[in-house]
Amino acid sequence: MALLEIRNLTKHFFRLSALSGVSLSVEPGELLGVIGPNGSGKTTLFNCVTGVLAPSGGHVLIRGEDITGRSPDIVYQRGVARTFQLIQLFPEMTVLENMLVAAQERTGTLLSRLVRREETRETARARELLEFLGIARLEDNLASNLSYGQQKLLDFGMALMPDPQLILLDEPMAGVNPTMIKNLMGHILELNGRGYTFVVIEHNMEVVMSLCRRIVVLSQGERIAEGTPAEIADNPLVLDAYFGR
C-alpha cells in the first residue's frame, strides 16, 4: 500500500486553477522529487496534502485513509511533517525550546516539557537530533541568533521531532551555501537509508537529480512527466516547460 496517494487533486483560486487533476503516489521509504517552473503548483500541492488549503476536488490518502481537507493538526497526527519555503521558527525561543514545540502533538503540554525538560523523552530525542544535525552546541541559543543555514537545520530538525512517516521538504536548499547544501543532502540521504520517506520540492536541478530516484514534474498545475532523473532530463515536455523549447 502506498504511504501517500494523491488522486486527481484540484485547487482553484477564484477562476485560476493552481492544480488540475494531479495524481501521484509515494511508497514507504521513497525519496521523491517534485519539480517545475515557478507557479506550477508545487507548494499548493503540499498545502493541500497537509491541510493548509482545502482542495477543490480530488483526494489525499495516507496509508489508505482519506484525509482530504482535514485540518493540519489531524494530518500531523497521521504522521505527516513538513518544512516551508519561509522558515517557520519561534525566534525568541531557544533552539531546544523550538524542538520541544515541534513535539507538542505527541504527549503532554509545552509548559510541562519546559518545566521538566531534563526528564522528558522529547528532550532526549531533541538533543539526539540536534547532535545528528551538528548544532547541539547551539541548544541554548535563541533561534533568531542562528545563521540562515543553522535555521534551516533547526527547521529540518523540528520536522523530524515527531518521528513522522512522511516528510515534505519545500525547497530545503534555497538560500544556503554549497557546503550547507552538501550537509543537508547528506542528512536526507542518511535518514532515507534508515527508512524515512521524503517528498522534496527543489529548484536546484543538480541537487534534485542527484538526490532523488524518481521525479514528478508539474507545469501550470498539471503533472506533465514522471520518471528517473535521466528520463526527466531528456523529456521534451520538461525542456519545453522550463525553456520554452
Protein backbone atom coordinates (compact mmCIF):
# COMPACT_ATOMS: atom_id res chain seq x y z
CA MET A 1 0.00 0.00 0.00
CA ALA A 2 1.25 3.48 -0.87
CA LEU A 3 2.17 5.70 2.05
CA LEU A 4 0.78 8.77 0.26
CA GLU A 5 -1.71 8.65 -2.59
CA ILE A 6 -2.96 11.77 -4.34
CA ARG A 7 -5.90 11.25 -6.67
CA ASN A 8 -7.00 13.87 -9.21
CA LEU A 9 -6.20 16.73 -6.85
CA THR A 10 -7.58 20.09 -7.96
CA LYS A 11 -7.31 23.53 -6.41
CA HIS A 12 -8.99 26.66 -7.73
CA PHE A 13 -8.36 30.22 -6.61
CA PHE A 14 -11.37 32.07 -7.95
CA ARG A 15 -11.13 31.39 -11.71
CA LEU A 16 -7.49 30.31 -11.64
CA SER A 17 -6.53 26.64 -11.41
CA ALA A 18 -3.41 26.11 -9.30
CA LEU A 19 -3.78 22.32 -9.56
CA SER A 20 -5.68 20.42 -12.23
CA GLY A 21 -6.24 16.72 -11.63
CA VAL A 22 -2.81 15.91 -10.22
CA SER A 23 -2.25 12.28 -9.23
CA LEU A 24 0.81 10.64 -7.74
CA SER A 25 1.78 8.11 -5.11
CA VAL A 26 4.69 7.74 -2.71
CA GLU A 27 5.85 4.36 -1.45
CA PRO A 28 7.25 3.81 2.06
CA GLY A 29 10.97 4.55 2.12
CA GLU A 30 10.94 6.52 -1.13
CA LEU A 31 12.75 9.79 -1.83
CA LEU A 32 10.60 11.54 -4.43
CA GLY A 33 11.42 14.86 -6.08
CA VAL A 34 8.79 17.34 -7.26
CA ILE A 35 10.00 19.98 -9.70
CA GLY A 36 8.53 22.54 -12.06
CA PRO A 37 8.76 26.20 -13.05
CA ASN A 38 7.64 28.94 -10.67
CA GLY A 39 3.86 28.94 -10.34
CA SER A 40 3.50 25.30 -11.39
CA GLY A 41 1.58 24.34 -8.22
CA LYS A 42 4.26 22.57 -6.19
CA THR A 43 3.73 24.37 -2.87
CA THR A 44 -0.05 24.36 -3.42
CA LEU A 45 0.22 20.59 -3.69
CA PHE A 46 1.99 20.41 -0.31
CA ASN A 47 -0.53 22.81 1.21
CA CYS A 48 -3.45 20.66 0.07
CA VAL A 49 -1.83 17.49 1.38
CA THR A 50 -1.10 18.99 4.81
CA GLY A 51 -4.44 20.73 5.33
CA VAL A 52 -3.17 24.29 4.96
CA LEU A 53 -5.51 24.57 1.97
CA ALA A 54 -8.71 22.65 1.29
CA PRO A 55 -8.67 21.09 -2.19
CA SER A 56 -11.40 21.99 -4.65
CA GLY A 57 -11.54 18.36 -5.75
CA GLY A 58 -9.78 15.04 -5.58
CA HIS A 59 -8.50 13.00 -2.66
CA VAL A 60 -5.45 12.67 -0.39
CA LEU A 61 -4.87 9.32 1.33
CA ILE A 62 -2.31 8.33 3.97
CA ARG A 63 -1.92 4.53 4.11
CA GLY A 64 -5.37 4.22 2.59
CA GLU A 65 -7.08 6.65 4.98
CA ASP A 66 -8.76 9.56 3.23
CA ILE A 67 -7.54 12.77 4.92
CA THR A 68 -8.76 15.17 2.23
CA GLY A 69 -9.49 18.58 3.72
CA ARG A 70 -8.60 17.55 7.26
CA SER A 71 -7.01 20.21 9.47
CA PRO A 72 -3.20 20.47 9.69
CA ASP A 73 -3.13 19.07 13.24
CA ILE A 74 -5.01 15.95 12.16
CA VAL A 75 -2.67 15.47 9.20
CA TYR A 76 0.30 15.96 11.55
CA GLN A 77 -1.07 13.31 13.89
CA ARG A 78 -1.29 10.92 10.94
CA GLY A 79 2.49 11.14 10.61
CA VAL A 80 2.99 13.86 8.00
CA ALA A 81 5.53 16.61 8.77
CA ARG A 82 6.82 19.39 6.54
CA THR A 83 9.04 22.39 6.16
CA PHE A 84 8.08 25.62 4.40
CA GLN A 85 9.78 27.84 1.83
CA LEU A 86 9.92 30.54 4.50
CA ILE A 87 11.42 29.09 7.67
CA GLN A 88 8.82 28.64 10.45
CA LEU A 89 10.65 29.13 13.77
CA PHE A 90 9.95 30.79 17.11
CA PRO A 91 12.73 33.41 17.02
CA GLU A 92 12.64 34.38 20.71
CA MET A 93 12.77 30.80 21.93
CA THR A 94 15.92 28.73 22.21
CA VAL A 95 16.91 26.02 19.76
CA LEU A 96 15.91 23.31 22.25
CA GLU A 97 12.59 25.00 23.03
CA ASN A 98 11.81 25.17 19.30
CA MET A 99 12.41 21.44 19.06
CA LEU A 100 10.10 20.80 22.02
CA VAL A 101 7.34 22.90 20.45
CA ALA A 102 7.56 20.65 17.39
CA ALA A 103 6.81 17.65 19.62
CA GLN A 104 3.75 19.12 21.31
CA GLU A 105 1.27 16.92 19.42
CA ARG A 106 2.94 13.78 20.74
CA THR A 107 2.43 13.97 24.51
CA GLY A 108 1.98 16.44 27.31
CA THR A 109 1.92 20.22 27.06
CA LEU A 110 4.64 22.65 26.10
CA LEU A 111 4.71 24.08 29.63
CA SER A 112 5.14 20.66 31.23
CA ARG A 113 8.05 19.86 28.95
CA LEU A 114 9.77 23.18 29.52
CA VAL A 115 9.44 22.90 33.30
CA ARG A 116 10.65 19.27 33.40
CA ARG A 117 12.66 19.28 30.22
CA GLU A 118 15.60 17.30 31.63
CA GLU A 119 13.23 14.43 32.42
CA THR A 120 11.34 14.11 29.19
CA ARG A 121 11.83 11.70 26.34
CA GLU A 122 11.15 14.59 23.98
CA THR A 123 14.20 16.43 25.30
CA ALA A 124 16.35 13.35 24.80
CA ARG A 125 15.10 13.00 21.22
CA ALA A 126 15.61 16.71 20.57
CA ARG A 127 19.22 16.55 21.72
CA GLU A 128 19.83 13.40 19.69
CA LEU A 129 18.54 15.13 16.56
CA LEU A 130 20.50 18.32 17.23
CA GLU A 131 23.63 16.20 17.59
CA PHE A 132 22.85 14.41 14.33
CA LEU A 133 22.40 17.77 12.57
CA GLY A 134 25.60 19.18 14.06
CA ILE A 135 24.00 22.03 16.03
CA ALA A 136 23.79 20.50 19.53
CA ARG A 137 26.18 23.17 20.86
CA LEU A 138 23.56 25.79 19.99
CA GLU A 139 20.67 24.36 22.02
CA ASP A 140 20.53 27.32 24.44
CA ASN A 141 20.87 29.96 21.70
CA LEU A 142 17.86 31.94 20.57
CA ALA A 143 16.69 30.84 17.14
CA SER A 144 16.93 34.45 15.99
CA ASN A 145 20.69 34.41 16.66
CA LEU A 146 21.38 31.49 14.33
CA SER A 147 22.76 31.90 10.84
CA TYR A 148 20.34 31.23 7.98
CA GLY A 149 21.92 27.84 7.34
CA GLN A 150 21.64 26.91 11.02
CA GLN A 151 18.00 27.98 10.99
CA LYS A 152 17.43 25.66 8.01
CA LEU A 153 18.92 22.80 10.03
CA LEU A 154 16.73 23.65 13.01
CA ASP A 155 13.64 23.79 10.79
CA PHE A 156 14.56 20.36 9.44
CA GLY A 157 15.11 19.04 12.95
CA MET A 158 11.69 20.29 14.05
CA ALA A 159 10.08 18.36 11.19
CA LEU A 160 11.84 15.22 12.41
CA MET A 161 10.80 15.59 16.06
CA PRO A 162 7.52 13.61 15.92
CA ASP A 163 9.27 10.76 14.07
CA PRO A 164 6.96 11.19 11.07
CA GLN A 165 6.06 8.58 8.49
CA LEU A 166 6.32 11.15 5.68
CA ILE A 167 8.41 14.34 5.49
CA LEU A 168 7.61 17.03 2.92
CA LEU A 169 10.52 19.41 2.29
CA ASP A 170 9.71 22.64 0.44
CA GLU A 171 12.92 23.97 -1.13
CA PRO A 172 15.24 22.88 1.69
CA MET A 173 18.36 24.04 -0.19
CA ALA A 174 17.11 27.53 -1.09
CA GLY A 175 19.36 30.36 0.03
CA VAL A 176 22.12 28.27 1.58
CA ASN A 177 25.76 27.93 0.54
CA PRO A 178 27.24 24.88 -1.23
CA THR A 179 28.72 23.49 2.00
CA MET A 180 25.33 23.59 3.72
CA ILE A 181 23.65 22.07 0.65
CA LYS A 182 26.06 19.14 0.83
CA ASN A 183 25.39 18.90 4.58
CA LEU A 184 21.60 18.84 4.15
CA MET A 185 21.78 16.34 1.30
CA GLY A 186 23.89 14.04 3.45
CA HIS A 187 21.36 14.17 6.29
CA ILE A 188 18.43 13.48 3.95
CA LEU A 189 20.19 10.54 2.31
CA GLU A 190 21.22 9.06 5.66
CA LEU A 191 17.70 9.30 7.04
CA ASN A 192 16.25 7.88 3.85
CA GLY A 193 18.66 4.98 4.24
CA ARG A 194 17.17 4.41 7.69
CA GLY A 195 13.69 4.14 6.15
CA TYR A 196 12.37 7.71 6.34
CA THR A 197 10.15 8.72 3.42
CA PHE A 198 10.66 12.11 1.75
CA VAL A 199 8.99 14.23 -0.90
CA VAL A 200 11.25 17.14 -1.85
CA ILE A 201 10.39 20.29 -3.80
CA GLU A 202 13.63 21.72 -5.10
CA HIS A 203 14.67 24.27 -7.75
CA ASN A 204 18.33 23.28 -7.70
CA MET A 205 18.31 20.78 -10.55
CA GLU A 206 21.77 19.42 -9.75
CA VAL A 207 20.60 18.64 -6.23
CA VAL A 208 17.31 17.01 -7.18
CA MET A 209 18.88 14.94 -9.94
CA SER A 210 21.48 13.50 -7.58
CA LEU A 211 19.21 13.23 -4.52
CA CYS A 212 16.01 11.65 -5.86
CA ARG A 213 15.46 8.31 -7.54
CA ARG A 214 12.12 9.35 -9.04
CA ILE A 215 10.93 12.80 -10.06
CA VAL A 216 7.47 14.21 -10.80
CA VAL A 217 7.24 17.36 -12.91
CA LEU A 218 4.43 19.91 -12.63
CA SER A 219 3.69 22.70 -15.08
CA GLN A 220 0.76 25.12 -14.89
CA GLY A 221 -0.89 22.95 -12.26
CA GLU A 222 -0.68 19.70 -14.19
CA ARG A 223 1.59 16.69 -13.92
CA ILE A 224 3.44 16.57 -17.23
CA ALA A 225 6.13 13.95 -16.56
CA GLU A 226 7.37 11.32 -14.15
CA GLY A 227 10.48 9.18 -14.21
CA THR A 228 14.08 8.69 -13.23
CA PRO A 229 16.45 11.68 -13.28
CA ALA A 230 17.86 10.52 -16.63
CA GLU A 231 14.38 10.21 -18.13
CA ILE A 232 13.33 13.63 -16.85
CA ALA A 233 16.50 15.30 -18.14
CA ASP A 234 15.72 14.10 -21.68
CA ASN A 235 11.95 14.63 -21.63
CA PRO A 236 10.91 17.20 -24.29
CA LEU A 237 7.83 18.26 -22.29
CA VAL A 238 10.06 19.14 -19.34
CA LEU A 239 12.51 21.04 -21.51
CA ASP A 240 9.64 22.94 -23.06
CA ALA A 241 8.15 23.80 -19.65
CA TYR A 242 11.47 25.18 -18.39
CA PHE A 243 12.99 26.65 -21.53
CA GLY A 244 10.10 27.10 -23.96
CA ARG A 245 11.60 24.71 -26.49
